[in-house]
Amino acid sequence: MAAAPEPVFWLGNDTLRVSAALFAENRQRLCQGLRAKDGVVPKSVVVLQGGEQNQRYCTDTDLVFRQESFFHWTFGVTESDCYGAIDVDSGKSYLFVPKLPESYATWMGEIFSTEHFRKKYAVDVVQYTCDIVDVLSNLNPDVLLTLRGLNTDSGSTCREASFEGISRFQVNNTLLHPVIVECRLTKTDMELEVLRYTNRISSEAHKMVMKNVKPGKKEYEMESLFQHYCYTKGGMRHTSYTCICGTGHNSSVLHYGHAGAPNDKTIRDGDMCLFDMGGEYYCYSSDITCSFPANGKFTPDQKVIYEAVLKSSRTVMAAMKPGVKWTEMHRLADKVHLEELVKVGILNGSVEEMMKVHLGSVFMPHGLGHLLGIDVHDVGGYPEGMERINEPGLKSLRMGRLVQERMVLTVEPGIYFINHLLDQALANPTQSCFINNQQLARFRGFGGVRIEDDVAVTATGIELLTCVPRTVEEIEAFMCDSEKSLSPLV
């Protein structure tokens, strides 16, 4: 008799097949981490609550569901309103799914059996959520480990599992969070394969945008092309975050694209484009930024700023390896930017002295990069006991720890000409003494340049996951290619 096919997530065509074994390995890693942690007693059971289906305000219009990240990392379940449990000693896994009313079959489709979900997600036991108390009682745990902890990036606290009857059990909500965060921090081979895929599809989508951008089009048209490519070619229903499609002066707005500035400007000849967009597949993210001239040809000023940022990016990536301090990589990027701005003539004086007064943060107020995984700003940047460095620029750095093998990080240096930051620097004698205001004036309204790549840390350096044209020569040659006029619908 032939063996049953391995359960996989797959959206057909050329999309990636993701094995349920990815999540079984994650659960195994989690159990190993918990068994090694002080304070975790035998007969402990992890209990996680998945995401809920929500509606738009007071209406019955469903928002497109996306699974809660910790639950997805552990079980890979795409349906809403589920719970999961893991016996830490044995590693046995339990999935609890809603018991649906008959009317569901009329409006929403087939009602599947518990056996269907057991096979689909390769877990040991599937029961209904209404039976969770009985199932857990039969396990007779000494303690339930629930998830409660601070996301050091957002400042929000993750949601702790709760259900009617949980008060019958002894519950600990402090032990699980630091262990599961450390597990998510480093990626398995199977996770890296999914992240390579999200980067490949998103890189191709960026290239499609570069082929089709031209003066007279709207920024949101470029957002639409990106999303269309990611979905049709990669099966990516979600992007990892709100697309940033800034052109001209908008390219200096770090998180442009929000409801108050919804990628609605008309692209003009001579504009610099800064397109920061990433597709998400099966909840795994990508985060890529491409900067280039809208007309496909760099002006001298655009070229010099772009090449300064490219030099910073490549200098950092050449220095990255396990054991280096991420804060020092940020400072390295700042140093390269300042050195290059001196060559341009915007700054003059000692770069070492500029660093002491944090002049780099005037031109790059954000952090160099962040962890990437199931969340675009992935968890684990500041473990318990590690504080952010309260300095301009570094206080916005989303990770403060040493670089480790199997981390996936973004490297995203940028130089921006943000009027209110420039005005503050000019009003500050410790910074204004380095600024050539006459040279700076011609860059007012320039916008900004950001180059963002996703990298996986290896034993000796990095693996570059992103693949888009990067040098000035590559970008200009790519954008003037005769295929530029091809529709992305072909």
Protein backbone atom coordinates (compact mmCIF):
# COMPACT_ATOMS: atom_id res chain seq x y z
CA MET A 1 0.00 0.00 0.00
CA ALA A 2 1.34 3.42 -0.96
CA ALA A 3 2.11 5.81 1.87
CA ALA A 4 -0.30 8.69 2.40
CA PRO A 5 0.89 11.92 0.76
CA GLU A 6 2.69 14.34 3.05
CA PRO A 7 0.41 17.19 4.15
CA VAL A 8 1.46 20.41 2.45
CA PHE A 9 0.22 23.95 2.04
CA TRP A 10 0.16 24.70 -1.67
CA LEU A 11 -1.79 27.17 -3.81
CA GLY A 12 -1.12 25.45 -7.10
CA ASN A 13 0.71 26.55 -10.26
CA ASP A 14 4.29 27.51 -9.42
CA THR A 15 3.66 28.43 -5.78
CA LEU A 16 5.77 26.91 -3.03
CA ARG A 17 4.80 23.66 -1.31
CA VAL A 18 5.24 24.06 2.45
CA SER A 19 5.26 20.85 4.44
CA ALA A 20 3.38 20.49 7.71
CA ALA A 21 6.69 19.10 8.98
CA LEU A 22 7.87 22.72 9.28
CA PHE A 23 5.46 23.28 12.16
CA ALA A 24 6.08 19.87 13.72
CA GLU A 25 9.76 20.84 13.90
CA ASN A 26 8.82 24.17 15.47
CA ARG A 27 6.76 22.40 18.12
CA GLN A 28 9.65 20.03 18.81
CA ARG A 29 12.06 22.96 19.23
CA LEU A 30 9.62 24.66 21.57
CA CYS A 31 9.29 21.56 23.77
CA GLN A 32 13.07 21.14 23.91
CA GLY A 33 13.45 24.79 24.93
CA LEU A 34 10.81 24.49 27.63
CA ARG A 35 12.22 21.27 29.06
CA ALA A 36 15.59 23.01 29.40
CA LYS A 37 14.16 26.08 31.12
CA ASP A 38 14.24 26.51 34.87
CA GLY A 39 10.80 26.61 36.40
CA VAL A 40 9.02 24.43 33.84
CA VAL A 41 7.73 21.42 35.73
CA PRO A 42 6.87 17.97 34.34
CA LYS A 43 3.30 17.53 33.13
CA SER A 44 3.20 21.03 31.62
CA VAL A 45 0.90 21.71 28.67
CA VAL A 46 1.25 24.69 26.32
CA VAL A 47 -2.07 26.28 25.35
CA LEU A 48 -2.26 28.83 22.52
CA GLN A 49 -5.24 30.68 21.12
CA GLY A 50 -5.41 31.40 17.41
CA GLY A 51 -6.71 34.53 15.77
CA GLU A 52 -10.39 35.35 15.59
CA GLN A 53 -12.45 36.31 12.56
CA ASN A 54 -13.33 40.00 12.93
CA GLN A 55 -15.79 42.23 11.15
CA ARG A 56 -15.48 45.77 9.87
CA TYR A 57 -16.68 47.92 12.78
CA CYS A 58 -20.38 47.21 13.53
CA THR A 59 -21.10 45.53 10.20
CA ASP A 60 -21.21 41.88 9.17
CA THR A 61 -18.48 42.42 6.55
CA ASP A 62 -15.56 40.13 7.32
CA LEU A 63 -12.02 41.42 7.28
CA VAL A 64 -9.67 39.13 5.37
CA PHE A 65 -8.36 36.78 8.05
CA ARG A 66 -4.69 36.34 8.78
CA GLN A 67 -3.56 33.94 11.50
CA GLU A 68 -2.03 35.17 14.77
CA SER A 69 1.73 34.85 14.39
CA PHE A 70 2.67 32.71 17.41
CA PHE A 71 -0.18 30.30 16.64
CA HIS A 72 0.84 30.10 13.00
CA TRP A 73 4.49 29.42 13.91
CA THR A 74 3.36 26.55 16.10
CA PHE A 75 0.56 24.95 14.08
CA GLY A 76 0.43 26.47 10.55
CA VAL A 77 -3.38 26.60 10.72
CA THR A 78 -5.13 28.93 8.26
CA GLU A 79 -8.61 28.79 9.83
CA SER A 80 -9.78 31.25 12.47
CA ASP A 81 -11.10 30.71 16.00
CA CYS A 82 -8.94 27.69 16.88
CA TYR A 83 -6.89 26.66 19.90
CA GLY A 84 -3.82 24.47 20.13
CA ALA A 85 -2.15 22.52 22.93
CA ILE A 86 1.16 20.68 23.26
CA ASP A 87 2.13 18.19 25.96
CA VAL A 88 5.65 19.38 26.76
CA ASP A 89 6.89 16.00 28.02
CA SER A 90 5.72 13.90 25.07
CA GLY A 91 5.46 16.55 22.35
CA LYS A 92 1.95 15.34 21.52
CA SER A 93 -0.05 18.01 19.71
CA TYR A 94 -3.74 18.87 20.00
CA LEU A 95 -5.75 21.14 17.71
CA PHE A 96 -9.19 22.45 18.67
CA VAL A 97 -11.47 23.69 15.87
CA PRO A 98 -14.90 25.31 16.10
CA LYS A 99 -17.96 23.07 15.90
CA LEU A 100 -19.84 24.75 13.08
CA PRO A 101 -23.63 25.02 12.75
CA GLU A 102 -25.44 23.35 9.84
CA SER A 103 -26.11 26.77 8.30
CA TYR A 104 -22.36 27.10 7.66
CA ALA A 105 -22.67 24.55 4.87
CA THR A 106 -25.21 26.78 3.09
CA TRP A 107 -23.32 30.04 3.28
CA MET A 108 -19.65 29.18 3.71
CA GLY A 109 -19.08 25.71 2.27
CA GLU A 110 -18.42 22.16 3.38
CA ILE A 111 -18.12 21.40 7.08
CA PHE A 112 -15.06 19.21 7.50
CA SER A 113 -14.54 16.51 10.08
CA THR A 114 -11.95 16.57 12.84
CA GLU A 115 -10.11 13.83 10.95
CA HIS A 116 -9.81 16.16 7.95
CA PHE A 117 -7.98 18.72 10.09
CA ARG A 118 -5.80 16.06 11.73
CA LYS A 119 -4.54 14.98 8.32
CA LYS A 120 -4.34 18.52 6.94
CA TYR A 121 -2.08 19.80 9.72
CA ALA A 122 -0.36 16.53 10.77
CA VAL A 123 -1.21 16.93 14.45
CA ASP A 124 -1.86 14.06 16.81
CA VAL A 125 -5.38 14.88 18.00
CA VAL A 126 -8.14 17.17 16.77
CA GLN A 127 -11.18 17.97 18.92
CA TYR A 128 -13.76 20.74 19.00
CA THR A 129 -13.14 23.95 20.93
CA CYS A 130 -16.23 23.25 23.04
CA ASP A 131 -14.46 20.14 24.37
CA ILE A 132 -11.17 21.82 25.32
CA VAL A 133 -11.76 21.61 29.08
CA ASP A 134 -12.56 17.90 28.96
CA VAL A 135 -9.56 17.09 26.76
CA LEU A 136 -7.13 19.08 28.92
CA SER A 137 -8.62 17.58 32.11
CA ASN A 138 -7.93 14.09 30.79
CA LEU A 139 -4.29 15.10 30.32
CA ASN A 140 -4.24 16.00 34.03
CA PRO A 141 -1.54 18.67 33.67
CA ASP A 142 0.19 20.18 36.67
CA VAL A 143 0.24 23.54 34.86
CA LEU A 144 -0.96 25.15 31.66
CA LEU A 145 1.62 27.41 30.02
CA THR A 146 -0.12 30.35 28.35
CA LEU A 147 1.43 33.10 26.27
CA ARG A 148 1.69 36.58 27.69
CA GLY A 149 4.57 38.94 27.04
CA LEU A 150 5.60 42.28 25.63
CA ASN A 151 6.39 42.73 21.95
CA THR A 152 9.46 44.97 22.35
CA ASP A 153 9.01 46.31 18.83
CA SER A 154 5.37 47.42 19.01
CA GLY A 155 5.06 47.87 22.76
CA SER A 156 1.91 45.73 22.73
CA THR A 157 1.27 42.65 24.83
CA CYS A 158 0.40 39.43 23.01
CA ARG A 159 -2.98 37.91 23.71
CA GLU A 160 -3.12 35.17 26.32
CA ALA A 161 -5.27 32.09 25.68
CA SER A 162 -8.58 32.23 27.47
CA PHE A 163 -11.61 29.96 27.44
CA GLU A 164 -14.52 29.13 29.71
CA GLY A 165 -13.27 26.73 32.35
CA ILE A 166 -9.58 27.67 32.29
CA SER A 167 -9.88 28.70 35.95
CA ARG A 168 -10.04 24.98 36.85
CA PHE A 169 -6.36 24.65 35.94
CA GLN A 170 -3.12 25.95 37.41
CA VAL A 171 -1.87 28.51 34.86
CA ASN A 172 1.55 30.10 34.35
CA ASN A 173 1.71 32.96 31.84
CA THR A 174 5.36 34.02 32.25
CA LEU A 175 7.47 30.99 31.30
CA LEU A 176 6.34 30.40 27.70
CA HIS A 177 6.87 33.78 26.06
CA PRO A 178 10.66 34.16 26.32
CA VAL A 179 11.19 30.57 25.13
CA ILE A 180 8.95 30.75 22.08
CA VAL A 181 10.42 34.14 21.14
CA GLU A 182 13.94 32.68 21.18
CA CYS A 183 12.73 29.80 19.02
CA ARG A 184 11.27 32.22 16.47
CA LEU A 185 14.48 34.26 16.50
CA THR A 186 16.48 31.71 14.50
CA LYS A 187 15.06 30.02 11.43
CA THR A 188 15.02 26.35 10.47
CA ASP A 189 15.99 25.14 6.99
CA MET A 190 12.33 24.83 6.07
CA GLU A 191 11.54 28.34 7.28
CA LEU A 192 14.48 29.73 5.31
CA GLU A 193 13.11 28.06 2.19
CA VAL A 194 9.79 29.90 2.59
CA LEU A 195 11.60 33.20 3.19
CA ARG A 196 13.69 32.64 0.04
CA TYR A 197 10.44 32.17 -1.84
CA THR A 198 8.79 35.34 -0.50
CA ASN A 199 11.92 37.27 -1.44
CA ARG A 200 12.11 35.79 -4.92
CA ILE A 201 8.50 36.59 -5.76
CA SER A 202 8.66 40.05 -4.18
CA SER A 203 11.93 40.82 -5.99
CA GLU A 204 10.31 39.91 -9.31
CA ALA A 205 7.31 42.07 -8.41
CA HIS A 206 9.60 45.04 -7.74
CA LYS A 207 11.24 44.48 -11.11
CA MET A 208 7.84 44.44 -12.78
CA VAL A 209 7.08 47.80 -11.17
CA MET A 210 10.42 49.20 -12.39
CA LYS A 211 9.52 48.11 -15.92
CA ASN A 212 6.18 49.90 -15.80
CA VAL A 213 6.77 53.10 -13.84
CA LYS A 214 6.79 56.34 -15.79
CA PRO A 215 5.91 59.99 -15.24
CA GLY A 216 2.19 60.67 -15.37
CA LYS A 217 1.17 57.48 -13.58
CA LYS A 218 -0.06 57.41 -10.00
CA GLU A 219 1.88 56.00 -7.07
CA TYR A 220 -1.02 53.68 -6.25
CA GLU A 221 -0.81 52.16 -9.72
CA MET A 222 2.64 50.90 -8.79
CA GLU A 223 1.28 49.52 -5.51
CA SER A 224 -1.44 47.75 -7.49
CA LEU A 225 1.05 46.23 -9.94
CA PHE A 226 3.16 44.92 -7.08
CA GLN A 227 0.21 43.33 -5.32
CA HIS A 228 -1.10 41.90 -8.58
CA TYR A 229 2.20 40.21 -9.39
CA CYS A 230 2.64 38.80 -5.88
CA TYR A 231 -0.86 37.33 -5.88
CA THR A 232 -1.03 36.00 -9.45
CA LYS A 233 2.53 34.65 -9.59
CA GLY A 234 3.15 33.84 -5.94
CA GLY A 235 -0.21 33.11 -4.32
CA MET A 236 0.34 35.98 -1.88
CA ARG A 237 -3.05 37.27 -0.78
CA HIS A 238 -1.44 39.51 1.83
CA THR A 239 1.40 41.97 1.73
CA SER A 240 3.63 42.02 4.80
CA TYR A 241 2.74 45.65 5.57
CA THR A 242 1.13 48.69 3.94
CA CYS A 243 2.95 49.38 0.68
CA ILE A 244 5.11 52.52 0.62
CA CYS A 245 5.22 54.08 -2.86
CA GLY A 246 6.78 57.49 -2.30
CA THR A 247 7.92 59.63 -5.21
CA GLY A 248 9.52 63.07 -5.23
CA HIS A 249 9.25 64.70 -1.82
CA ASN A 250 7.13 61.75 -0.59
CA SER A 251 10.21 59.52 -0.73
CA SER A 252 11.43 61.23 2.45
CA VAL A 253 8.29 60.16 4.38
CA LEU A 254 9.49 57.03 6.14
CA HIS A 255 6.10 55.29 6.46
CA TYR A 256 4.31 56.89 3.53
CA GLY A 257 1.26 55.08 2.14
CA HIS A 258 -0.96 55.29 5.23
CA ALA A 259 -4.58 56.48 5.12
CA GLY A 260 -3.57 60.12 5.34
CA ALA A 261 -1.10 59.80 2.44
CA PRO A 262 -2.39 56.80 0.44
CA ASN A 263 0.13 56.61 -2.42
CA ASP A 264 -1.98 59.11 -4.37
CA LYS A 265 0.54 61.51 -5.91
CA THR A 266 1.08 61.72 -9.67
CA ILE A 267 4.61 60.63 -10.56
CA ARG A 268 6.59 63.40 -12.25
CA ASP A 269 9.55 63.44 -14.57
CA GLY A 270 12.68 63.86 -12.45
CA ASP A 271 11.14 62.30 -9.34
CA MET A 272 13.09 59.83 -7.27
CA CYS A 273 10.97 56.78 -6.45
CA LEU A 274 11.23 54.93 -3.14
CA PHE A 275 9.10 51.80 -3.24
CA ASP A 276 9.09 49.74 -0.04
CA MET A 277 6.90 46.65 -0.52
CA GLY A 278 6.94 42.98 0.46
CA GLY A 279 4.67 40.04 -0.22
CA GLU A 280 3.70 37.44 2.39
CA TYR A 281 3.24 33.71 1.73
CA TYR A 282 1.66 31.46 4.34
CA CYS A 283 2.31 34.22 6.90
CA TYR A 284 6.06 34.42 6.14
CA SER A 285 7.18 37.95 5.22
CA SER A 286 9.50 39.84 2.95
CA ASP A 287 10.54 43.50 3.14
CA ILE A 288 12.28 45.08 0.14
CA THR A 289 12.92 48.68 -0.84
CA CYS A 290 14.01 49.82 -4.30
CA SER A 291 14.95 53.43 -5.06
CA PHE A 292 15.33 54.66 -8.63
CA PRO A 293 14.48 57.63 -10.88
CA ALA A 294 10.98 57.62 -12.36
CA ASN A 295 12.31 58.32 -15.86
CA GLY A 296 14.98 55.64 -15.63
CA LYS A 297 17.97 57.98 -15.70
CA PHE A 298 19.76 59.26 -12.60
CA THR A 299 20.61 62.95 -12.35
CA PRO A 300 24.07 63.70 -10.94
CA ASP A 301 22.56 64.56 -7.54
CA GLN A 302 20.38 61.44 -7.51
CA LYS A 303 23.35 59.30 -8.46
CA VAL A 304 25.63 60.61 -5.75
CA ILE A 305 23.06 60.13 -2.97
CA TYR A 306 22.04 56.71 -4.27
CA GLU A 307 25.63 55.50 -4.47
CA ALA A 308 26.29 56.75 -0.95
CA VAL A 309 23.46 54.58 0.36
CA LEU A 310 24.55 51.62 -1.79
CA LYS A 311 28.06 51.89 -0.38
CA SER A 312 26.62 51.90 3.14
CA SER A 313 24.50 48.82 2.38
CA ARG A 314 27.36 46.85 0.92
CA THR A 315 29.78 47.87 3.67
CA VAL A 316 27.38 46.64 6.34
CA MET A 317 26.63 43.36 4.55
CA ALA A 318 30.35 42.70 4.11
CA ALA A 319 30.84 43.17 7.86
CA MET A 320 27.88 41.06 8.99
CA LYS A 321 28.56 37.69 10.61
CA PRO A 322 27.67 35.91 13.84
CA GLY A 323 28.86 37.78 16.91
CA VAL A 324 28.88 41.34 15.56
CA LYS A 325 26.83 43.93 17.42
CA TRP A 326 23.83 45.14 15.43
CA THR A 327 24.18 48.55 17.08
CA GLU A 328 27.70 48.77 15.64
CA MET A 329 26.37 47.94 12.18
CA HIS A 330 23.99 50.89 12.52
CA ARG A 331 26.88 53.16 13.52
CA LEU A 332 28.89 51.83 10.57
CA ALA A 333 26.09 52.84 8.19
CA ASP A 334 25.97 56.30 9.76
CA LYS A 335 29.73 56.68 9.35
CA VAL A 336 29.65 55.78 5.65
CA HIS A 337 26.77 58.20 5.04
CA LEU A 338 28.62 61.05 6.71
CA GLU A 339 31.82 60.33 4.80
CA GLU A 340 29.93 60.36 1.51
CA LEU A 341 28.03 63.56 2.36
CA VAL A 342 31.38 65.21 3.04
CA LYS A 343 32.49 64.22 -0.48
CA VAL A 344 29.27 65.74 -1.87
CA GLY A 345 30.00 68.97 -0.03
CA ILE A 346 26.83 68.96 2.07
CA LEU A 347 28.96 68.41 5.17
CA ASN A 348 32.46 69.46 6.11
CA GLY A 349 34.73 68.69 9.02
CA SER A 350 35.63 65.64 11.06
CA VAL A 351 33.32 62.65 10.64
CA GLU A 352 34.43 61.42 14.06
CA GLU A 353 33.18 64.67 15.61
CA MET A 354 29.95 64.45 13.61
CA MET A 355 29.33 60.99 15.07
CA LYS A 356 29.67 62.38 18.59
CA VAL A 357 26.78 64.83 17.98
CA HIS A 358 24.68 62.17 16.20
CA LEU A 359 24.61 64.03 12.89
CA GLY A 360 23.94 60.78 11.04
CA SER A 361 20.45 60.57 12.54
CA VAL A 362 19.51 63.82 10.79
CA PHE A 363 19.82 62.00 7.48
CA MET A 364 18.83 58.49 8.69
CA PRO A 365 16.46 58.84 11.67
CA HIS A 366 15.35 55.20 11.58
CA GLY A 367 17.23 52.04 12.54
CA LEU A 368 19.45 50.15 10.10
CA GLY A 369 17.20 47.10 9.99
CA HIS A 370 15.17 44.56 11.90
CA LEU A 371 14.44 40.88 12.35
CA LEU A 372 12.20 39.28 9.74
CA GLY A 373 10.06 36.15 9.83
CA ILE A 374 6.37 35.53 10.37
CA ASP A 375 6.11 39.20 11.33
CA VAL A 376 7.78 41.81 9.17
CA HIS A 377 9.16 43.32 12.37
CA ASP A 378 9.81 39.95 13.95
CA VAL A 379 10.00 39.27 17.66
CA GLY A 380 13.14 38.96 19.76
CA GLY A 381 14.98 42.20 19.09
CA TYR A 382 15.34 43.11 22.76
CA PRO A 383 15.29 40.12 25.14
CA GLU A 384 14.54 40.65 28.80
CA GLY A 385 17.28 42.71 30.45
CA MET A 386 18.44 44.41 27.25
CA GLU A 387 17.53 48.08 26.91
CA ARG A 388 17.50 50.28 23.82
CA ILE A 389 20.29 52.79 23.50
CA ASN A 390 18.66 56.16 24.04
CA GLU A 391 20.46 58.04 21.28
CA PRO A 392 19.07 59.61 18.08
CA GLY A 393 18.77 56.92 15.42
CA LEU A 394 19.76 54.04 17.70
CA LYS A 395 16.64 54.50 19.83
CA SER A 396 14.66 53.55 16.72
CA LEU A 397 16.76 50.44 16.05
CA ARG A 398 14.44 47.44 16.26
CA MET A 399 17.13 44.97 17.41
CA GLY A 400 19.92 45.51 19.92
CA ARG A 401 21.46 42.07 20.29
CA LEU A 402 24.39 40.30 18.69
CA VAL A 403 23.90 38.93 15.21
CA GLN A 404 23.37 35.14 15.27
CA GLU A 405 23.52 32.42 12.66
CA ARG A 406 20.07 31.67 11.19
CA MET A 407 18.69 35.10 11.99
CA VAL A 408 16.97 36.77 9.05
CA LEU A 409 17.45 40.53 9.03
CA THR A 410 16.73 43.51 6.83
CA VAL A 411 19.58 45.82 5.90
CA GLU A 412 17.97 49.12 4.99
CA PRO A 413 20.21 52.19 5.18
CA GLY A 414 18.85 55.43 3.81
CA ILE A 415 19.61 59.10 3.32
CA TYR A 416 16.65 61.49 3.47
CA PHE A 417 16.24 65.22 3.28
CA ILE A 418 13.45 65.81 5.80
CA ASN A 419 12.87 69.52 6.20
CA HIS A 420 12.03 69.63 9.90
CA LEU A 421 15.07 67.51 10.81
CA LEU A 422 17.31 69.69 8.66
CA ASP A 423 15.88 72.83 10.27
CA GLN A 424 16.46 71.40 13.75
CA ALA A 425 20.07 70.56 12.86
CA LEU A 426 20.68 74.04 11.44
CA ALA A 427 19.32 75.52 14.68
CA ASN A 428 21.64 73.33 16.77
CA PRO A 429 25.14 74.86 16.94
CA THR A 430 26.77 71.48 17.70
CA GLN A 431 25.45 70.13 14.38
CA SER A 432 25.09 73.20 12.16
CA CYS A 433 28.85 73.85 12.29
CA PHE A 434 29.32 70.80 10.03
CA ILE A 435 26.61 71.71 7.49
CA ASN A 436 27.18 73.62 4.27
CA ASN A 437 23.74 75.19 4.01
CA GLN A 438 24.30 76.49 0.50
CA GLN A 439 25.00 72.98 -0.80
CA LEU A 440 22.22 71.51 1.34
CA ALA A 441 19.66 73.94 -0.12
CA ARG A 442 19.71 72.30 -3.53
CA PHE A 443 18.65 68.98 -1.97
CA ARG A 444 15.56 70.44 -0.31
CA GLY A 445 12.62 68.60 -1.84
CA PHE A 446 14.89 65.83 -3.14
CA GLY A 447 13.09 63.25 -0.99
CA GLY A 448 15.15 60.26 0.00
CA VAL A 449 16.87 57.03 -0.96
CA ARG A 450 16.52 53.74 0.87
CA ILE A 451 18.00 50.40 -0.21
CA GLU A 452 16.57 47.45 1.66
CA ASP A 453 17.60 43.83 1.31
CA ASP A 454 16.69 40.74 3.33
CA VAL A 455 19.60 38.56 4.44
CA ALA A 456 19.97 35.26 6.29
CA VAL A 457 22.97 35.06 8.59
CA THR A 458 25.26 32.10 7.90
CA ALA A 459 28.18 30.68 9.90
CA THR A 460 30.64 32.99 8.15
CA GLY A 461 28.60 35.89 6.78
CA ILE A 462 25.24 36.26 5.06
CA GLU A 463 23.07 34.84 2.31
CA LEU A 464 21.43 37.61 0.28
CA LEU A 465 17.77 36.67 -0.25
CA THR A 466 16.72 39.71 -2.30
CA CYS A 467 17.52 39.85 -6.03
CA VAL A 468 16.84 43.18 -7.76
CA PRO A 469 19.01 45.58 -9.82
CA ARG A 470 21.10 47.58 -7.38
CA THR A 471 23.90 49.56 -9.04
CA VAL A 472 23.15 52.73 -10.98
CA GLU A 473 24.29 51.01 -14.16
CA GLU A 474 22.11 47.93 -13.53
CA ILE A 475 19.03 50.05 -12.80
CA GLU A 476 19.42 52.29 -15.84
CA ALA A 477 20.04 49.34 -18.15
CA PHE A 478 17.09 47.41 -16.72
CA MET A 479 14.66 50.33 -16.94
CA CYS A 480 15.54 51.22 -20.54
CA ASP A 481 15.20 47.61 -21.72
CA SER A 482 12.82 47.19 -24.63
CA GLU A 483 10.54 44.96 -22.55
CA LYS A 484 9.69 47.88 -20.26
CA SER A 485 6.48 48.50 -22.15
CA LEU A 486 5.14 44.99 -21.56
CA SER A 487 1.98 44.83 -19.48
CA PRO A 488 2.28 42.94 -16.19
CA LEU A 489 -0.93 41.13 -17.14
CA VAL A 490 0.84 39.27 -19.97
